[in-house]
Amino acid sequence: MKRKGLTEFEVFLLRNHIRQILGRVSHPQTNGKVEKLFDEFERKVKFFNSVEEWVNWYNVTRPHGALSLSTLCRAYYASMP
């Protein structure tokens, strides 16, 4: 339990209207998506000149099977009002 006020990170979240969602302890399904992201990163980053280049490939170029081979970027913008 915290004894002081908000942490710097919590203040950043509040100022940027970001809601932090914490995963349950000892519940592997909670972290499955993050684990998959890091797995993909570790396997593919060596083929790129920078992390930023990999991030662009991951979000803009790479087709995603669960999205009917659309990209994450296209799916995100398609979901916007």
Foldseek 3Di string as FASTA:
>chain_A
DDDDDDDPVVVVCVVVVHDDDDDDPPDVVRCVVVVVVVVVCVVPVVVDPDVVVVVCCQAPPAFDVVVVRHGNVVVVVVPDD
